[in-house]
Amino acid sequence: MTYQRQSHVSLINIKMTEISQTILIDAPVNKVFSYASNYLNWSKFFVGLSDVNPLTEEVHNNGAKFLYKVKMMGLNVNVGTEFQQFKENEGWIGKSFKGLEHQTQWNFKKVNSQTEFTYTQKYVFPFYMGGKLIDKLFLQDTWKEIINKSLQNLKKATEEK
């Protein structure tokens, strides 16, 4: 009998932590979307994200895959994300395929001449790293701060240009 080890296990029965924040940006949707969806800009506005590398030739549509590092609890963690449900000037879902299980949702909505941008992050913090307890005591507030600062950075970058 042969056993195969899976490198990424789905934690379907474990409730994911969900953090969502919205910001109003004084720039048109196409400008904000173009900037935010360009992986070359991610480390410029998203706090703690670095070393973004595309794994697919397609980088701006469904199936686009990226590897990058996220700073978490003082450690750089390797993460892989794939674009799903990608719609130009509307948003996409980023689904993990490597590293910590996560899903992000990027939603862009036109509000007059501005953009309402909502970022949602869902994740499971592994039990071997402290699980829900460490997540609730330390990580959730840290992620809220990181996301808030990142959205402010996106706002500044897209309103200036």
Protein backbone atom coordinates (compact mmCIF):
# COMPACT_ATOMS: atom_id res chain seq x y z
CA MET A 1 0.00 0.00 0.00
CA THR A 2 1.34 3.43 -0.96
CA TYR A 3 0.59 6.61 0.97
CA GLN A 4 0.90 10.05 -0.51
CA ARG A 5 1.60 13.07 1.67
CA GLN A 6 -0.40 16.20 0.88
CA SER A 7 1.47 19.49 1.20
CA HIS A 8 -1.68 21.58 1.64
CA VAL A 9 -4.52 20.18 3.71
CA SER A 10 -7.92 21.84 3.60
CA LEU A 11 -9.40 22.52 7.01
CA ILE A 12 -13.02 22.40 5.93
CA ASN A 13 -14.46 21.67 9.38
CA ILE A 14 -12.57 24.47 11.13
CA LYS A 15 -14.23 27.89 11.11
CA MET A 16 -12.01 30.46 9.44
CA THR A 17 -11.34 33.82 11.05
CA GLU A 18 -12.75 36.61 8.87
CA ILE A 19 -11.60 40.23 8.87
CA SER A 20 -13.13 42.77 6.50
CA GLN A 21 -12.44 46.49 6.03
CA THR A 22 -13.75 49.08 3.59
CA ILE A 23 -12.26 52.37 2.47
CA LEU A 24 -13.46 55.14 0.16
CA ILE A 25 -10.78 56.22 -2.31
CA ASP A 26 -11.00 59.48 -4.24
CA ALA A 27 -10.03 57.93 -7.58
CA PRO A 28 -11.94 56.11 -10.33
CA VAL A 29 -12.46 52.35 -10.05
CA ASN A 30 -10.33 51.52 -13.11
CA LYS A 31 -7.34 53.38 -11.64
CA VAL A 32 -7.60 51.77 -8.18
CA PHE A 33 -8.25 48.32 -9.66
CA SER A 34 -5.36 48.61 -12.11
CA TYR A 35 -2.95 49.54 -9.31
CA ALA A 36 -4.19 47.00 -6.74
CA SER A 37 -4.39 44.08 -9.17
CA ASN A 38 -0.82 44.60 -10.41
CA TYR A 39 1.31 42.20 -8.35
CA LEU A 40 4.34 44.50 -8.80
CA ASN A 41 2.56 47.02 -6.52
CA TRP A 42 1.51 44.65 -3.72
CA SER A 43 4.65 45.08 -1.62
CA LYS A 44 4.41 48.87 -2.11
CA PHE A 45 1.09 49.15 -0.29
CA PHE A 46 0.44 45.90 1.60
CA VAL A 47 2.26 45.96 4.93
CA GLY A 48 4.51 42.94 5.56
CA LEU A 49 4.18 41.47 2.07
CA SER A 50 7.37 40.95 0.06
CA ASP A 51 9.13 38.93 -2.65
CA VAL A 52 6.10 38.53 -4.94
CA ASN A 53 6.77 36.17 -7.84
CA PRO A 54 4.28 35.03 -10.48
CA LEU A 55 4.20 31.29 -11.23
CA THR A 56 2.01 31.59 -14.31
CA GLU A 57 2.40 33.53 -17.52
CA GLU A 58 -1.07 35.00 -16.94
CA VAL A 59 -0.92 37.48 -14.05
CA HIS A 60 -4.19 39.37 -14.49
CA ASN A 61 -6.96 36.78 -14.75
CA ASN A 62 -8.41 33.56 -13.34
CA GLY A 63 -5.76 30.97 -12.63
CA ALA A 64 -2.93 33.46 -12.09
CA LYS A 65 -0.68 32.10 -9.31
CA PHE A 66 1.79 33.93 -7.11
CA LEU A 67 4.28 33.05 -4.39
CA TYR A 68 5.22 35.68 -1.83
CA LYS A 69 6.23 36.19 1.77
CA VAL A 70 4.05 37.54 4.55
CA LYS A 71 5.54 38.74 7.83
CA MET A 72 3.61 37.15 10.68
CA MET A 73 4.62 37.10 14.34
CA GLY A 74 8.11 38.23 13.35
CA LEU A 75 8.55 35.43 10.82
CA ASN A 76 8.49 35.55 7.03
CA VAL A 77 6.02 32.89 5.90
CA ASN A 78 5.94 31.61 2.31
CA VAL A 79 2.45 31.78 0.83
CA GLY A 80 0.94 30.84 -2.52
CA THR A 81 -2.28 32.38 -3.86
CA GLU A 82 -4.35 31.80 -6.99
CA PHE A 83 -6.76 34.32 -8.54
CA GLN A 84 -10.34 33.06 -8.82
CA GLN A 85 -13.52 34.80 -10.01
CA PHE A 86 -11.41 37.61 -11.47
CA LYS A 87 -13.56 40.40 -12.97
CA GLU A 88 -11.94 43.54 -14.37
CA ASN A 89 -12.75 46.64 -12.26
CA GLU A 90 -14.88 44.53 -9.87
CA GLY A 91 -12.50 42.26 -7.98
CA TRP A 92 -11.26 38.75 -7.37
CA ILE A 93 -10.78 36.04 -4.77
CA GLY A 94 -7.29 34.94 -3.82
CA LYS A 95 -7.29 31.28 -2.73
CA SER A 96 -4.31 29.68 -1.02
CA PHE A 97 -2.49 26.74 -2.54
CA LYS A 98 0.67 26.90 -0.40
CA GLY A 99 1.39 27.84 3.19
CA LEU A 100 -1.23 28.84 5.71
CA GLU A 101 -4.79 28.25 4.56
CA HIS A 102 -6.34 31.57 3.59
CA GLN A 103 -8.69 33.31 1.21
CA THR A 104 -8.81 36.99 0.34
CA GLN A 105 -11.52 38.89 -1.45
CA TRP A 106 -10.88 42.19 -3.21
CA ASN A 107 -14.06 44.12 -4.11
CA PHE A 108 -14.11 47.42 -6.01
CA LYS A 109 -17.31 49.43 -6.35
CA LYS A 110 -17.89 52.71 -8.17
CA VAL A 111 -19.45 55.38 -5.93
CA ASN A 112 -19.90 58.52 -8.02
CA SER A 113 -16.34 59.38 -9.11
CA GLN A 114 -14.78 57.46 -6.21
CA THR A 115 -14.01 53.83 -5.42
CA GLU A 116 -15.32 51.90 -2.46
CA PHE A 117 -12.77 49.16 -1.84
CA THR A 118 -13.48 46.27 0.51
CA TYR A 119 -10.77 43.81 1.48
CA THR A 120 -11.76 40.61 3.24
CA GLN A 121 -9.32 38.09 4.63
CA LYS A 122 -10.22 34.63 5.90
CA TYR A 123 -7.67 32.31 7.42
CA VAL A 124 -7.06 29.40 9.73
CA PHE A 125 -4.18 29.73 12.17
CA PRO A 126 -2.76 26.20 12.65
CA PHE A 127 -3.25 24.43 15.96
CA TYR A 128 0.49 23.61 16.13
CA MET A 129 1.20 27.38 16.25
CA GLY A 130 -1.36 28.06 18.96
CA GLY A 131 -4.56 27.87 16.92
CA LYS A 132 -7.64 29.89 17.82
CA LEU A 133 -6.25 31.02 21.20
CA ILE A 134 -3.17 32.76 19.76
CA ASP A 135 -5.26 34.03 16.86
CA LYS A 136 -7.79 35.65 19.19
CA LEU A 137 -5.25 36.97 21.72
CA PHE A 138 -2.70 38.39 19.26
CA LEU A 139 -3.24 37.91 15.55
CA GLN A 140 -6.71 39.32 14.89
CA ASP A 141 -5.86 42.79 16.20
CA THR A 142 -2.51 42.69 14.41
CA TRP A 143 -4.19 41.73 11.12
CA LYS A 144 -6.78 44.50 11.56
CA GLU A 145 -3.95 47.04 11.97
CA ILE A 146 -2.04 45.64 8.97
CA ILE A 147 -5.13 45.69 6.76
CA ASN A 148 -6.09 49.22 7.87
CA LYS A 149 -2.59 50.55 7.17
CA SER A 150 -2.47 48.71 3.83
CA LEU A 151 -5.78 50.20 2.72
CA GLN A 152 -4.56 53.65 3.74
CA ASN A 153 -1.40 53.03 1.69
CA LEU A 154 -3.50 52.00 -1.33
CA LYS A 155 -5.63 55.12 -0.93
CA LYS A 156 -2.56 57.35 -0.79
CA ALA A 157 -0.88 55.66 -3.77
CA THR A 158 -3.94 55.87 -6.02
CA GLU A 159 -5.13 59.35 -5.04
CA GLU A 160 -1.68 60.87 -5.62
CA LYS A 161 -1.17 59.66 -9.18
